[in-house]
Amino acid sequence: MLLLPRPRSHLQFLRATIASFSTRASTSPTTSTTPTTSSIDKTEVSKFTATADEWWGGGNGTSDTSAVGPLRLMNPVRCQFIRRWIDAHYGRHDAIQNMRVLDVGCGGGLLSETLARAGATVTGIDASPDSIRAAKSHYEALITDPELKETMQGSVDYRETVQSVEHLLSEVGPHQFDVVCALEVIEHVPRHQQAQFVADCRSLVKEDGCMFVSTLNRTARSLALAIFGAEMVLRMVPPGTHDWGKFVTVDELKQYVSTEAEEQYFAKDVGQGDPDLLNPWSVQIASGMQFNPLSNEWFENELDTEVNYITYSARNRN
């Protein structure tokens, strides 16, 4: 029998927690155990390193209470959104085929493998070496199996020596990928580095490419459902998996993605000769993702971004 706290205690808990987290989110950056210029928080990385062998799990994940269990169930919804908006962005069906895709924070390779099956040439990086090894092991087992290999139209290159997006940017330079994805990653980045993290991801996209970012919204509802409900009551993921103070509101993410201010600044100096300066980056679409506990499935709800949401970003088009 599941015992829930009395309504009054529940309300008091939420009020106190919201006040505590709101103060942390607005007055001070999240403490990181790594240098301030790094997007990697080793405390966050350790959460997923501990579950590195559980990325691919078994069965449908209905009894999985690891930190990565919900990501397996969420993955089809994320991939459908990505493929739909890649098609819209490039104006053709199955546009992902032969595209160069970067999966930032690839973990055990759930997204990387799915996009590679669709024909993409994927590069995967992650701050957890153990997760990368798990991803590589799963992929190598797949491509060495004669029957399963036929399902893989593209390929995946897991970069074991590159743990952060800023590291990759320093190695390969900007504008290298048609598509950059950073799904369920930014909420594990030190808060004072989140804007730079998005800027670095954006820098790796080709001039005519696009970017996808998904995360949790910092709202009272996400605190109730994602922290109190999922972690403390239902135990869908281990307590402490998420830090509500690191969740990113839709407006904040829009600010991180936007290049309007900087494009206008540079346009004053160089004039209007460069058409790229007239097409700043922005979030084009933000859509919610919700979980149905009765069917044990995730679904997209473009009208509700208050808890989980995914975004498609690109340069504005005239």
Protein backbone atom coordinates (compact mmCIF):
# COMPACT_ATOMS: atom_id res chain seq x y z
CA MET A 1 0.00 0.00 0.00
CA LEU A 2 1.38 3.40 -1.01
CA LEU A 3 1.16 5.96 1.78
CA LEU A 4 0.98 9.59 0.69
CA PRO A 5 1.55 12.55 3.02
CA ARG A 6 -1.49 14.39 4.28
CA PRO A 7 -2.49 17.30 2.00
CA ARG A 8 -1.43 19.93 4.51
CA SER A 9 2.02 18.35 4.96
CA HIS A 10 2.37 17.98 1.19
CA LEU A 11 1.53 21.66 0.64
CA GLN A 12 3.91 22.79 3.37
CA PHE A 13 6.67 20.68 1.85
CA LEU A 14 6.16 22.15 -1.61
CA ARG A 15 6.04 25.72 -0.33
CA ALA A 16 9.23 25.31 1.68
CA THR A 17 11.05 23.54 -1.15
CA ILE A 18 10.00 26.08 -3.77
CA ALA A 19 11.22 28.91 -1.55
CA SER A 20 14.54 27.18 -0.96
CA PHE A 21 15.20 26.29 -4.59
CA SER A 22 13.96 29.63 -5.95
CA THR A 23 16.47 31.44 -3.76
CA ARG A 24 19.28 29.20 -5.00
CA ALA A 25 18.28 29.55 -8.64
CA SER A 26 17.99 33.33 -8.58
CA THR A 27 20.73 34.48 -6.21
CA SER A 28 23.69 32.18 -6.67
CA PRO A 29 25.14 29.83 -9.28
CA THR A 30 25.14 26.13 -8.65
CA THR A 31 28.38 24.95 -7.08
CA SER A 32 30.47 22.75 -9.30
CA THR A 33 33.31 20.45 -8.41
CA THR A 34 35.12 21.30 -11.68
CA PRO A 35 36.64 24.57 -12.94
CA THR A 36 34.16 27.37 -13.65
CA THR A 37 34.89 27.23 -17.38
CA SER A 38 33.70 23.62 -17.67
CA SER A 39 30.18 22.46 -18.44
CA ILE A 40 30.89 19.26 -16.52
CA ASP A 41 29.73 18.81 -12.95
CA LYS A 42 31.42 15.67 -11.64
CA THR A 43 28.72 15.16 -9.02
CA GLU A 44 26.12 14.99 -11.79
CA VAL A 45 28.29 12.71 -13.92
CA SER A 46 28.62 10.22 -11.06
CA LYS A 47 24.84 9.72 -11.01
CA PHE A 48 24.89 8.30 -14.52
CA THR A 49 28.24 6.56 -14.22
CA ALA A 50 26.66 4.48 -11.45
CA THR A 51 23.97 3.27 -13.87
CA ALA A 52 26.17 2.93 -16.97
CA ASP A 53 25.32 -0.77 -17.34
CA GLU A 54 21.58 -0.10 -17.23
CA TRP A 55 21.21 2.16 -20.28
CA TRP A 56 19.69 -0.55 -22.46
CA GLY A 57 18.01 -2.43 -19.62
CA GLY A 58 15.66 -5.29 -20.38
CA GLY A 59 12.02 -5.63 -21.26
CA ASN A 60 9.90 -2.48 -21.43
CA GLY A 61 11.33 -0.83 -18.33
CA THR A 62 8.10 -0.97 -16.31
CA SER A 63 9.93 -1.88 -13.11
CA ASP A 64 13.10 0.08 -13.83
CA THR A 65 13.88 2.61 -11.11
CA SER A 66 17.33 3.62 -12.36
CA ALA A 67 18.17 7.17 -13.43
CA VAL A 68 18.16 6.13 -17.09
CA GLY A 69 14.96 4.04 -17.14
CA PRO A 70 12.61 6.92 -18.08
CA LEU A 71 14.96 8.00 -20.89
CA ARG A 72 14.42 4.67 -22.66
CA LEU A 73 10.67 5.18 -22.56
CA MET A 74 10.99 8.83 -23.62
CA ASN A 75 13.36 8.15 -26.51
CA PRO A 76 10.74 7.36 -29.22
CA VAL A 77 8.94 10.67 -28.58
CA ARG A 78 12.19 12.64 -28.72
CA CYS A 79 13.27 10.95 -31.95
CA GLN A 80 9.91 11.51 -33.63
CA PHE A 81 10.10 15.21 -32.79
CA ILE A 82 13.67 15.49 -34.07
CA ARG A 83 13.02 13.70 -37.35
CA ARG A 84 9.82 15.67 -38.00
CA TRP A 85 11.51 19.04 -37.57
CA ILE A 86 14.66 18.03 -39.44
CA ASP A 87 12.36 17.21 -42.38
CA ALA A 88 10.62 20.57 -41.99
CA HIS A 89 13.92 22.42 -41.63
CA TYR A 90 15.50 20.93 -44.76
CA GLY A 91 12.24 20.63 -46.70
CA ARG A 92 12.35 16.96 -47.58
CA HIS A 93 11.28 13.58 -46.25
CA ASP A 94 13.91 11.50 -44.39
CA ALA A 95 16.28 14.46 -44.47
CA ILE A 96 18.29 12.92 -41.66
CA GLN A 97 19.87 10.41 -44.04
CA ASN A 98 23.57 11.16 -44.49
CA MET A 99 23.33 14.12 -42.09
CA ARG A 100 26.22 14.74 -39.69
CA VAL A 101 24.63 14.69 -36.23
CA LEU A 102 26.24 15.45 -32.87
CA ASP A 103 24.70 13.86 -29.76
CA VAL A 104 25.95 15.84 -26.75
CA GLY A 105 25.61 13.86 -23.53
CA CYS A 106 24.86 10.70 -25.49
CA GLY A 107 24.95 8.47 -22.41
CA GLY A 108 24.55 4.84 -23.40
CA GLY A 109 23.64 5.74 -26.98
CA LEU A 110 19.83 5.60 -26.97
CA LEU A 111 19.44 8.60 -29.25
CA SER A 112 22.67 8.06 -31.21
CA GLU A 113 21.75 4.53 -32.29
CA THR A 114 18.16 5.46 -33.15
CA LEU A 115 19.24 8.33 -35.40
CA ALA A 116 21.94 6.17 -36.97
CA ARG A 117 19.35 3.52 -37.78
CA ALA A 118 17.52 6.24 -39.70
CA GLY A 119 20.64 6.95 -41.76
CA ALA A 120 22.52 9.66 -39.86
CA THR A 121 26.28 9.77 -39.34
CA VAL A 122 26.36 10.37 -35.60
CA THR A 123 29.13 11.54 -33.28
CA GLY A 124 28.47 10.84 -29.61
CA ILE A 125 30.20 12.49 -26.65
CA ASP A 126 29.54 12.19 -22.93
CA ALA A 127 31.12 13.28 -19.65
CA SER A 128 30.89 9.73 -18.29
CA PRO A 129 33.56 7.40 -19.71
CA ASP A 130 31.63 4.41 -18.36
CA SER A 131 28.49 5.45 -20.25
CA ILE A 132 30.49 5.91 -23.45
CA ARG A 133 31.98 2.45 -23.03
CA ALA A 134 28.49 1.00 -22.54
CA ALA A 135 27.28 2.81 -25.67
CA LYS A 136 30.24 1.61 -27.72
CA SER A 137 29.85 -1.97 -26.50
CA HIS A 138 26.15 -2.03 -27.41
CA TYR A 139 26.81 -0.53 -30.84
CA GLU A 140 29.66 -2.91 -31.64
CA ALA A 141 27.49 -5.89 -30.68
CA LEU A 142 24.81 -4.57 -33.02
CA ILE A 143 26.99 -4.03 -36.08
CA THR A 144 28.75 -7.38 -35.70
CA ASP A 145 25.44 -9.26 -35.68
CA PRO A 146 24.62 -10.10 -39.34
CA GLU A 147 20.86 -9.71 -38.86
CA LEU A 148 20.89 -6.61 -36.66
CA LYS A 149 23.52 -4.89 -38.79
CA GLU A 150 21.01 -4.65 -41.63
CA THR A 151 18.86 -2.32 -39.51
CA MET A 152 21.67 0.24 -39.27
CA GLN A 153 21.57 2.61 -42.24
CA GLY A 154 24.05 5.10 -40.77
CA SER A 155 26.86 4.91 -38.24
CA VAL A 156 27.98 6.10 -34.80
CA ASP A 157 31.39 7.33 -33.71
CA TYR A 158 31.67 7.51 -29.92
CA ARG A 159 34.49 9.86 -28.95
CA GLU A 160 35.92 8.35 -25.76
CA THR A 161 38.56 11.06 -25.36
CA VAL A 162 36.13 14.01 -25.65
CA GLN A 163 33.97 14.54 -22.58
CA SER A 164 32.54 18.04 -23.08
CA VAL A 165 31.09 20.15 -25.85
CA GLU A 166 33.67 22.88 -25.27
CA HIS A 167 36.44 20.28 -25.67
CA LEU A 168 34.99 19.11 -28.98
CA LEU A 169 34.60 22.70 -30.18
CA SER A 170 38.27 23.41 -29.43
CA GLU A 171 39.29 20.28 -31.35
CA VAL A 172 37.19 20.49 -34.51
CA GLY A 173 36.18 24.15 -34.70
CA PRO A 174 32.72 25.64 -35.36
CA HIS A 175 30.07 24.74 -37.95
CA GLN A 176 30.85 21.04 -38.25
CA PHE A 177 27.43 19.39 -37.90
CA ASP A 178 24.12 19.59 -39.74
CA VAL A 179 22.27 18.83 -36.51
CA VAL A 180 23.29 19.12 -32.85
CA CYS A 181 21.25 17.44 -30.11
CA ALA A 182 21.58 17.98 -26.36
CA LEU A 183 18.75 16.06 -24.72
CA GLU A 184 18.23 15.95 -20.95
CA VAL A 185 21.73 17.36 -20.46
CA ILE A 186 21.55 21.06 -19.63
CA GLU A 187 19.82 20.42 -16.29
CA HIS A 188 23.00 18.60 -15.21
CA VAL A 189 25.28 21.48 -16.24
CA PRO A 190 26.37 24.00 -13.56
CA ARG A 191 23.79 26.76 -13.66
CA HIS A 192 26.32 29.53 -14.31
CA GLN A 193 27.60 27.57 -17.34
CA GLN A 194 24.26 26.80 -18.96
CA ALA A 195 24.22 29.80 -21.30
CA GLN A 196 27.76 29.06 -22.49
CA PHE A 197 26.89 25.36 -22.90
CA VAL A 198 24.06 26.25 -25.30
CA ALA A 199 26.29 28.77 -27.12
CA ASP A 200 28.96 26.10 -27.64
CA CYS A 201 26.39 23.62 -28.95
CA ARG A 202 25.06 26.29 -31.29
CA SER A 203 28.57 27.10 -32.52
CA LEU A 204 29.04 23.52 -33.70
CA VAL A 205 26.00 23.72 -36.00
CA LYS A 206 26.55 24.55 -39.66
CA GLU A 207 25.24 27.93 -40.80
CA ASP A 208 22.13 26.36 -42.33
CA GLY A 209 21.73 23.63 -39.68
CA CYS A 210 19.51 23.19 -36.63
CA MET A 211 19.70 22.25 -32.96
CA PHE A 212 17.53 20.31 -30.52
CA VAL A 213 17.58 20.79 -26.75
CA SER A 214 15.30 19.11 -24.21
CA THR A 215 15.12 19.60 -20.47
CA LEU A 216 12.78 20.15 -17.51
CA ASN A 217 11.05 23.46 -16.85
CA ARG A 218 11.64 25.16 -13.48
CA THR A 219 8.03 25.46 -12.35
CA ALA A 220 6.05 24.56 -9.23
CA ARG A 221 4.45 21.77 -11.24
CA SER A 222 7.80 20.25 -12.21
CA LEU A 223 8.84 20.34 -8.56
CA ALA A 224 5.67 18.49 -7.59
CA LEU A 225 5.81 15.92 -10.41
CA ALA A 226 9.48 15.46 -11.29
CA ILE A 227 11.04 15.84 -7.85
CA PHE A 228 8.41 15.05 -5.22
CA GLY A 229 6.28 12.67 -7.31
CA ALA A 230 8.79 10.82 -9.51
CA GLU A 231 11.71 10.72 -7.07
CA MET A 232 10.22 10.71 -3.59
CA VAL A 233 6.81 9.03 -3.92
CA LEU A 234 6.74 6.84 -7.04
CA ARG A 235 10.51 6.20 -7.03
CA MET A 236 10.61 6.20 -10.83
CA VAL A 237 14.20 7.45 -10.52
CA PRO A 238 16.51 7.52 -7.49
CA PRO A 239 16.07 10.49 -5.13
CA GLY A 240 18.59 13.21 -5.97
CA THR A 241 18.70 12.42 -9.70
CA HIS A 242 17.64 15.99 -10.46
CA ASP A 243 18.30 19.40 -8.95
CA TRP A 244 15.22 21.59 -9.46
CA GLY A 245 17.39 24.69 -9.17
CA LYS A 246 19.14 23.69 -12.41
CA PHE A 247 15.95 23.24 -14.41
CA VAL A 248 15.65 25.75 -17.27
CA THR A 249 12.54 27.74 -18.05
CA VAL A 250 11.45 28.08 -21.65
CA ASP A 251 12.17 31.82 -21.57
CA GLU A 252 15.68 31.19 -20.24
CA LEU A 253 16.41 28.67 -22.97
CA LYS A 254 15.13 31.11 -25.58
CA GLN A 255 17.59 33.68 -24.26
CA TYR A 256 20.45 31.15 -24.31
CA VAL A 257 19.72 30.18 -27.93
CA SER A 258 19.07 33.66 -29.28
CA THR A 259 21.81 35.52 -31.13
CA GLU A 260 19.65 38.52 -31.98
CA ALA A 261 21.48 40.96 -29.70
CA GLU A 262 24.95 39.92 -30.79
CA GLU A 263 24.00 39.82 -34.48
CA GLN A 264 22.63 43.37 -34.26
CA TYR A 265 25.78 44.51 -32.48
CA PHE A 266 28.08 43.15 -35.17
CA ALA A 267 25.80 44.39 -37.94
CA LYS A 268 26.50 47.96 -36.84
CA ASP A 269 30.21 47.43 -37.51
CA VAL A 270 30.16 45.40 -40.69
CA GLY A 271 27.04 46.82 -42.29
CA GLN A 272 24.37 44.74 -44.02
CA GLY A 273 26.64 42.97 -46.49
CA ASP A 274 26.48 39.62 -44.70
CA PRO A 275 22.98 38.08 -44.99
CA ASP A 276 23.65 35.80 -42.00
CA LEU A 277 23.57 38.86 -39.75
CA LEU A 278 19.94 39.38 -40.73
CA ASN A 279 18.98 35.87 -39.60
CA PRO A 280 19.65 35.45 -35.88
CA TRP A 281 19.22 32.16 -34.03
CA SER A 282 16.05 31.55 -32.03
CA VAL A 283 13.91 28.75 -30.59
CA GLN A 284 11.45 27.97 -33.38
CA ILE A 285 9.34 25.37 -31.55
CA ALA A 286 8.99 24.34 -27.89
CA SER A 287 6.79 21.31 -27.24
CA GLY A 288 5.96 19.44 -24.05
CA MET A 289 6.57 15.77 -23.32
CA GLN A 290 4.34 14.02 -20.80
CA PHE A 291 4.19 10.61 -19.16
CA ASN A 292 1.04 8.50 -18.91
CA PRO A 293 1.50 6.16 -15.90
CA LEU A 294 -1.47 4.02 -16.96
CA SER A 295 -0.01 3.11 -20.35
CA ASN A 296 3.60 3.54 -19.18
CA GLU A 297 4.26 5.69 -22.24
CA TRP A 298 5.48 9.19 -23.04
CA PHE A 299 3.65 11.39 -25.53
CA GLU A 300 4.11 14.84 -27.02
CA ASN A 301 1.84 17.70 -25.96
CA GLU A 302 2.80 20.89 -27.75
CA LEU A 303 0.44 22.93 -25.55
CA ASP A 304 2.01 22.03 -22.21
CA THR A 305 5.71 22.72 -21.55
CA GLU A 306 5.48 23.11 -17.77
CA VAL A 307 7.40 19.93 -16.88
CA ASN A 308 9.39 18.23 -19.67
CA TYR A 309 9.86 19.96 -23.02
CA ILE A 310 11.91 19.70 -26.21
CA THR A 311 12.91 22.52 -28.57
CA TYR A 312 13.91 22.94 -32.20
CA SER A 313 16.15 25.95 -32.86
CA ALA A 314 17.59 27.45 -36.03
CA ARG A 315 18.32 30.71 -37.75
CA ASN A 316 15.25 32.78 -38.57
CA ARG A 317 14.29 32.68 -42.22
CA ASN A 318 12.97 35.64 -44.18
